[in-house]
Protein backbone atom coordinates (compact mmCIF):
# COMPACT_ATOMS: atom_id res chain seq x y z
CA MET A 1 0.00 0.01 0.03
CA SER A 2 1.38 3.41 -0.96
CA ALA A 3 2.00 5.97 1.78
CA ARG A 4 -0.54 8.73 2.23
CA GLN A 5 0.39 12.01 0.52
CA PRO A 6 1.07 14.85 2.95
CA ARG A 7 -1.82 17.21 3.63
CA ARG A 8 -0.69 20.60 2.42
CA ILE A 9 -1.88 23.46 4.63
CA ALA A 10 -1.06 27.21 4.17
CA LEU A 11 -1.16 29.30 7.44
CA ALA A 12 -2.14 32.92 6.86
CA VAL A 13 -0.67 34.75 9.84
CA GLY A 14 -3.54 37.23 10.40
CA ASP A 15 -2.88 40.68 11.92
CA PRO A 16 1.00 40.92 12.21
CA ASN A 17 0.64 43.03 15.37
CA GLY A 18 -1.52 40.53 17.08
CA ILE A 19 -0.63 36.98 18.26
CA GLY A 20 -1.04 35.53 14.73
CA PRO A 21 2.68 35.36 13.97
CA GLU A 22 3.41 33.73 17.30
CA ILE A 23 0.78 31.07 17.17
CA SER A 24 1.58 30.39 13.52
CA LEU A 25 5.22 29.80 14.30
CA ARG A 26 4.47 27.70 17.35
CA THR A 27 2.04 25.63 15.17
CA VAL A 28 4.82 25.07 12.73
CA ALA A 29 7.13 23.92 15.46
CA ALA A 30 4.54 21.64 16.95
CA TYR A 31 4.15 19.67 13.73
CA ARG A 32 7.81 19.51 12.75
CA GLY A 33 8.82 15.99 11.74
CA ARG A 34 5.21 14.98 10.98
CA ASP A 35 5.36 13.40 7.49
CA GLU A 36 1.60 13.56 7.05
CA LEU A 37 1.55 17.29 6.92
CA GLU A 38 3.21 19.93 4.86
CA LEU A 39 2.79 23.46 6.31
CA ALA A 40 3.71 26.78 4.85
CA LEU A 41 3.33 30.44 6.16
CA VAL A 42 1.79 33.40 4.34
CA GLY A 43 2.53 36.77 5.77
CA PRO A 44 4.95 39.71 5.97
CA ARG A 45 8.54 38.47 6.14
CA ASN A 46 9.68 41.37 8.54
CA ALA A 47 6.80 40.68 11.03
CA LEU A 48 7.50 36.99 11.11
CA ARG A 49 11.25 37.50 11.51
CA HIS A 50 10.67 40.05 14.27
CA CYS A 51 8.44 37.57 16.15
CA ALA A 52 10.86 34.70 15.59
CA ASP A 53 13.83 36.69 16.87
CA ALA A 54 12.02 38.10 19.89
CA LEU A 55 10.51 34.78 21.02
CA GLY A 56 13.23 32.29 20.01
CA LEU A 57 11.25 30.70 17.20
CA GLY A 58 13.88 31.11 14.45
CA ASP A 59 14.15 27.34 13.92
CA ALA A 60 10.42 27.20 13.18
CA LEU A 61 10.61 30.11 10.69
CA ASN A 62 13.71 28.66 8.96
CA SER A 63 12.10 25.15 8.66
CA VAL A 64 9.02 26.12 6.60
CA SER A 65 8.19 27.58 3.29
CA LEU A 66 7.19 31.22 3.36
CA HIS A 67 4.92 32.93 0.87
CA ALA A 68 5.81 36.49 1.69
CA ILE A 69 3.47 39.44 1.17
CA ASP A 70 4.25 43.11 1.44
CA ASP A 71 6.34 44.00 4.53
CA LEU A 72 4.88 46.21 7.15
CA PRO A 73 6.39 49.74 7.32
CA ALA A 74 8.93 49.59 10.14
CA ALA A 75 7.09 52.23 12.17
CA ASP A 76 3.89 50.11 11.99
CA LEU A 77 5.51 46.94 13.28
CA ARG A 78 4.39 47.34 16.94
CA PRO A 79 2.91 44.26 18.57
CA GLY A 80 -0.32 45.14 20.43
CA SER A 81 -0.98 48.17 18.28
CA ILE A 82 -3.93 48.63 15.95
CA VAL A 83 -2.79 50.09 12.64
CA ALA A 84 -4.21 50.15 9.20
CA SER A 85 -1.24 48.54 7.44
CA ALA A 86 -1.50 45.56 9.75
CA GLY A 87 -5.18 45.21 8.94
CA ALA A 88 -4.46 45.38 5.24
CA ALA A 89 -1.75 42.69 5.69
CA ALA A 90 -4.18 40.32 7.41
CA VAL A 91 -6.53 40.57 4.47
CA GLN A 92 -3.63 40.25 1.92
CA ALA A 93 -2.27 37.19 3.65
CA ALA A 94 -5.66 35.48 3.64
CA ARG A 95 -6.34 36.38 -0.01
CA THR A 96 -2.90 35.08 -0.93
CA ALA A 97 -3.38 31.84 0.82
CA LEU A 98 -6.79 31.35 -0.76
CA SER A 99 -5.34 31.98 -4.19
CA LEU A 100 -2.61 29.36 -3.56
CA ALA A 101 -5.28 26.82 -2.47
CA ARG A 102 -7.49 27.62 -5.51
CA ASP A 103 -4.41 27.05 -7.72
CA GLY A 104 -4.02 23.59 -6.19
CA ARG A 105 -0.82 24.32 -4.34
CA TYR A 106 -2.47 23.76 -0.90
CA ASP A 107 -5.31 21.48 0.23
CA ALA A 108 -6.55 23.90 2.91
CA VAL A 109 -5.94 27.28 4.52
CA VAL A 110 -5.88 28.02 8.21
CA ALA A 111 -5.93 31.76 9.18
CA ALA A 112 -4.76 33.37 12.36
CA PRO A 113 -6.97 36.09 13.82
CA HIS A 114 -7.47 39.41 12.07
CA HIS A 115 -8.43 42.65 13.88
CA GLU A 116 -11.60 44.24 12.39
CA THR A 117 -10.74 47.76 13.51
CA ALA A 118 -7.40 47.63 11.90
CA ILE A 119 -8.99 46.41 8.65
CA ALA A 120 -11.64 49.16 8.81
CA ARG A 121 -8.80 51.71 9.25
CA ALA A 122 -7.33 50.44 6.05
CA GLY A 123 -10.53 51.26 4.25
CA ILE A 124 -11.27 47.65 3.37
CA GLU A 125 -14.86 46.36 3.36
CA PHE A 126 -14.73 43.36 5.60
CA SER A 127 -17.36 41.47 7.71
CA GLY A 128 -15.28 38.29 8.64
CA TYR A 129 -13.38 35.60 6.84
CA PRO A 130 -16.47 33.80 5.41
CA SER A 131 -17.35 36.88 3.32
CA LEU A 132 -13.79 37.13 2.16
CA VAL A 133 -13.77 33.48 1.18
CA ALA A 134 -16.96 34.06 -0.82
CA ARG A 135 -15.49 37.02 -2.72
CA CYS A 136 -12.26 35.10 -3.45
CA CYS A 137 -14.25 32.16 -4.80
CA GLY A 138 -16.67 34.24 -6.91
CA LEU A 139 -19.67 33.64 -4.67
CA ARG A 140 -22.11 35.89 -2.96
CA ALA A 141 -21.48 36.71 0.67
CA ASP A 142 -24.61 34.85 1.73
CA GLN A 143 -23.38 31.55 0.12
CA VAL A 144 -20.50 31.02 2.57
CA PHE A 145 -21.33 30.41 6.29
CA LEU A 146 -19.38 30.08 9.46
CA LEU A 147 -19.26 26.68 11.18
CA LEU A 148 -17.83 26.88 14.68
CA ILE A 149 -16.55 23.62 16.22
CA GLY A 150 -15.60 23.20 19.84
CA GLY A 151 -16.61 21.73 23.18
CA GLY A 152 -18.27 18.84 21.42
CA LEU A 153 -20.63 21.14 19.46
CA ARG A 154 -20.82 22.02 15.76
CA ILE A 155 -22.80 25.20 15.07
CA VAL A 156 -23.31 26.71 11.65
CA HIS A 157 -24.52 30.34 11.53
CA ALA A 158 -27.10 31.54 9.05
CA THR A 159 -26.13 35.20 9.79
CA LEU A 160 -22.95 36.50 11.23
CA HIS A 161 -21.35 39.98 11.60
CA GLU A 162 -24.25 42.37 11.39
CA SER A 163 -26.69 44.07 13.61
CA VAL A 164 -29.53 41.95 15.09
CA ALA A 165 -31.99 44.16 13.19
CA GLN A 166 -30.18 43.68 9.84
CA ALA A 167 -29.88 39.90 10.49
CA LEU A 168 -33.57 39.50 11.27
CA GLY A 169 -34.51 41.44 8.15
CA ARG A 170 -32.25 39.25 6.03
CA LEU A 171 -33.23 35.81 7.44
CA SER A 172 -35.33 33.67 5.19
CA ALA A 173 -36.24 29.98 4.80
CA GLU A 174 -33.92 29.80 1.88
CA LEU A 175 -30.90 31.27 3.86
CA VAL A 176 -31.54 28.77 6.66
CA VAL A 177 -31.68 25.88 4.21
CA ASP A 178 -28.48 26.99 2.55
CA ALA A 179 -26.67 27.24 5.90
CA ALA A 180 -27.85 23.83 7.02
CA ARG A 181 -26.85 22.18 3.73
CA ALA A 182 -23.44 23.86 3.75
CA GLY A 183 -22.79 22.67 7.34
CA ALA A 184 -23.93 19.22 6.64
CA ALA A 185 -21.78 18.94 3.50
CA ALA A 186 -18.77 20.12 5.51
CA LEU A 187 -19.32 17.41 8.10
CA GLN A 188 -19.68 14.81 5.32
CA ALA A 189 -16.25 15.95 4.06
CA MET A 190 -14.84 15.50 7.47
CA GLY A 191 -16.26 12.01 7.64
CA LEU A 192 -19.13 12.72 10.03
CA ALA A 193 -22.11 12.05 7.79
CA PRO A 194 -24.97 11.40 7.93
CA ALA A 195 -25.50 14.37 10.14
CA ARG A 196 -28.53 14.83 12.45
CA VAL A 197 -29.33 18.55 12.25
CA ALA A 198 -31.25 20.76 14.67
CA LEU A 199 -32.62 24.25 13.81
CA MET A 200 -32.50 26.80 16.66
CA GLY A 201 -35.64 28.95 16.91
CA ILE A 202 -35.45 32.69 16.25
CA ASP A 203 -37.94 33.73 18.92
CA PRO A 204 -38.05 32.22 22.54
CA HIS A 205 -39.32 28.71 22.47
CA ALA A 206 -39.24 28.93 18.65
CA GLY A 207 -42.21 31.30 18.91
CA GLU A 208 -44.42 28.91 21.00
CA HIS A 209 -46.83 28.50 18.07
CA GLY A 210 -46.99 32.27 17.47
CA LEU A 211 -47.40 33.33 21.16
CA PHE A 212 -43.92 34.91 21.22
CA GLY A 213 -43.72 36.02 17.55
CA ASP A 214 -44.33 34.59 14.09
CA GLN A 215 -40.72 34.55 12.73
CA ASP A 216 -40.28 30.91 13.19
CA GLN A 217 -43.61 30.13 11.56
CA ARG A 218 -42.49 32.17 8.58
CA ILE A 219 -38.82 31.13 8.35
CA THR A 220 -37.42 28.21 10.31
CA GLU A 221 -40.55 25.93 10.09
CA PRO A 222 -40.64 26.16 6.29
CA ALA A 223 -36.87 25.66 6.23
CA ALA A 224 -37.18 22.50 8.25
CA ARG A 225 -39.77 21.07 5.93
CA LEU A 226 -37.62 21.82 2.90
CA LEU A 227 -34.60 20.20 4.47
CA ARG A 228 -36.50 17.08 5.38
CA GLN A 229 -37.82 16.87 1.87
CA SER A 230 -34.21 16.99 0.61
CA GLY A 231 -33.32 13.95 2.76
CA LEU A 232 -31.61 15.48 5.75
CA GLN A 233 -32.40 14.37 9.26
CA VAL A 234 -33.77 17.60 10.78
CA ASP A 235 -35.35 18.35 14.12
CA GLY A 236 -36.81 21.70 15.20
CA PRO A 237 -37.03 24.46 15.18
CA ALA A 238 -36.90 24.52 18.88
CA GLY A 239 -35.41 26.79 21.48
CA ALA A 240 -31.66 26.90 21.48
CA ASP A 241 -31.55 26.25 25.19
CA VAL A 242 -33.59 23.12 24.94
CA LEU A 243 -31.59 21.79 21.99
CA LEU A 244 -28.21 22.48 23.50
CA ALA A 245 -29.22 21.02 26.88
CA ALA A 246 -30.10 17.73 25.15
CA ARG A 247 -26.89 17.58 23.12
CA GLU A 248 -28.42 14.99 20.72
CA HIS A 249 -27.44 16.40 17.28
CA ASP A 250 -24.31 16.48 15.13
CA LEU A 251 -24.98 19.94 13.73
CA TYR A 252 -26.99 23.01 15.04
CA VAL A 253 -28.09 25.81 12.89
CA ALA A 254 -27.87 29.15 14.75
CA MET A 255 -29.80 32.16 13.39
CA LEU A 256 -27.77 34.96 14.96
CA HIS A 257 -24.11 35.44 15.79
CA ASP A 258 -24.32 35.29 19.62
CA GLN A 259 -26.78 32.33 19.63
CA GLY A 260 -24.05 30.12 18.17
CA HIS A 261 -20.90 31.78 19.49
CA ILE A 262 -21.86 31.90 23.23
CA PRO A 263 -22.15 28.12 23.82
CA ILE A 264 -19.02 27.35 21.86
CA LYS A 265 -16.95 30.03 23.59
CA LEU A 266 -18.36 28.96 26.95
CA LEU A 267 -17.46 25.24 26.45
CA SER A 268 -14.23 25.75 24.51
CA PRO A 269 -12.68 29.13 25.38
CA ARG A 270 -9.84 29.99 23.06
CA ARG A 271 -9.76 26.49 21.52
CA ALA A 272 -12.60 26.59 18.90
CA THR A 273 -12.19 26.11 15.22
CA ALA A 274 -14.03 28.43 12.82
CA VAL A 275 -14.63 26.81 9.39
CA SER A 276 -15.93 28.71 6.36
CA VAL A 277 -18.33 26.42 4.55
CA GLY A 278 -20.17 26.58 1.29
CA ALA A 279 -17.16 27.25 -1.01
CA ASP A 280 -15.13 24.76 -2.97
CA LEU A 281 -12.12 24.75 -0.67
CA LEU A 282 -11.31 24.20 3.01
CA PHE A 283 -10.73 27.45 4.87
CA SER A 284 -10.65 27.78 8.63
CA SER A 285 -9.68 30.26 11.26
CA VAL A 286 -9.44 29.99 15.01
CA GLY A 287 -12.35 30.82 17.24
CA HIS A 288 -10.58 33.61 19.16
CA GLY A 289 -9.25 37.04 18.51
CA SER A 290 -5.92 38.76 17.88
CA ALA A 291 -5.36 39.29 21.66
CA MET A 292 -3.65 42.65 21.33
CA ASP A 293 -3.19 42.78 25.12
CA ILE A 294 -0.61 39.87 25.10
CA ALA A 295 0.81 40.24 21.58
CA GLY A 296 4.55 40.07 21.55
CA ARG A 297 4.93 38.69 25.09
CA GLY A 298 5.39 35.02 24.12
CA VAL A 299 2.44 33.84 26.24
CA ALA A 300 -0.19 33.10 23.59
CA SER A 301 -1.38 29.57 23.40
CA PRO A 302 -1.32 28.07 19.88
CA GLN A 303 -3.64 25.21 20.75
CA ALA A 304 -6.68 26.51 18.77
CA MET A 305 -4.50 26.71 15.61
CA ILE A 306 -2.88 23.34 16.36
CA ASP A 307 -6.33 21.78 16.75
CA THR A 308 -7.60 23.42 13.57
CA VAL A 309 -4.67 22.10 11.54
CA ALA A 310 -5.40 18.68 13.04
CA LEU A 311 -9.01 18.90 11.95
CA LEU A 312 -8.35 20.00 8.40
CA GLY A 313 -5.28 17.75 8.03
CA ALA A 314 -7.02 14.68 9.58
CA VAL A 315 -4.14 14.09 11.98
CA ASP A 316 -3.75 13.76 15.75
CA ALA A 317 -3.01 17.20 17.42
CA PRO A 318 -0.09 17.55 19.86
CA ASP A 319 -0.82 19.19 23.17
CA ALA A 320 0.53 22.82 23.29
CA GLN A 321 0.41 22.80 27.12
CA VAL A 322 3.01 20.01 27.02
CA LEU A 323 5.08 21.44 24.20
CA TYR A 324 5.17 25.07 25.50
CA ALA A 325 4.61 24.79 29.26
């Protein structure tokens, strides 16, 4: 039997002034010597060199391929600072990694955290990695969804980074169906099919038959019927609290950002994986932010990125607490 080909994964380093360079380099170090993985870095050369020199991670940087993007201006290379050029670099790194994956040079992309204020200061329209993946893949923003994985839960989000009012105005049965199908297809690609899916209600108790609002009667109930007709095993809509307390499903569909993020962050703080689903490639980020308050101090845990690489690479993850205690 022939040996398995290494899974090739590009690591986009996120905001260079956040913890992205550190956790990316520590992830490379954690997987050194693992023949089943081939990792590469995508980011500004000067930011990665600065991080490697400051934290003693030169061996990790020297051991891996680097797809360098534009260097940060020297005056802007300040760990912990929110600057426009660093926001632009995070987007450029992700775009470059996505282009490399679409060209077939890598099987998946894992991105370190961006900082949305820094990106906004750069004048770049941005509402999270899923929308960026959609644009890079020639899709509409509402065709790519965020699937959060952590704490034994997998939750795909029908809406994401927008006001509650805007999200409620945009929700439709078709959007919920698309989110559920994208999440279920991603689980199938990860070897977890057939998935038993649960739809979280929009209103309390999923509206209680109209007593607490009619949004579920108009949106999630028709979505559930359409999904069942397509062959998926679907329960709900039901109250998110009831569904999560039972923990009987492989995939949950959240209607709003906080409805899906809070349980994952509660059960798996700083270790969640955020997968963009619905496109024709594997793209994931970590379920935590750029941690500007500890950037450059050498204390950031790479475990979420290590776990994310393991998930997309179908390998066992080393324990960062052992490696970097």
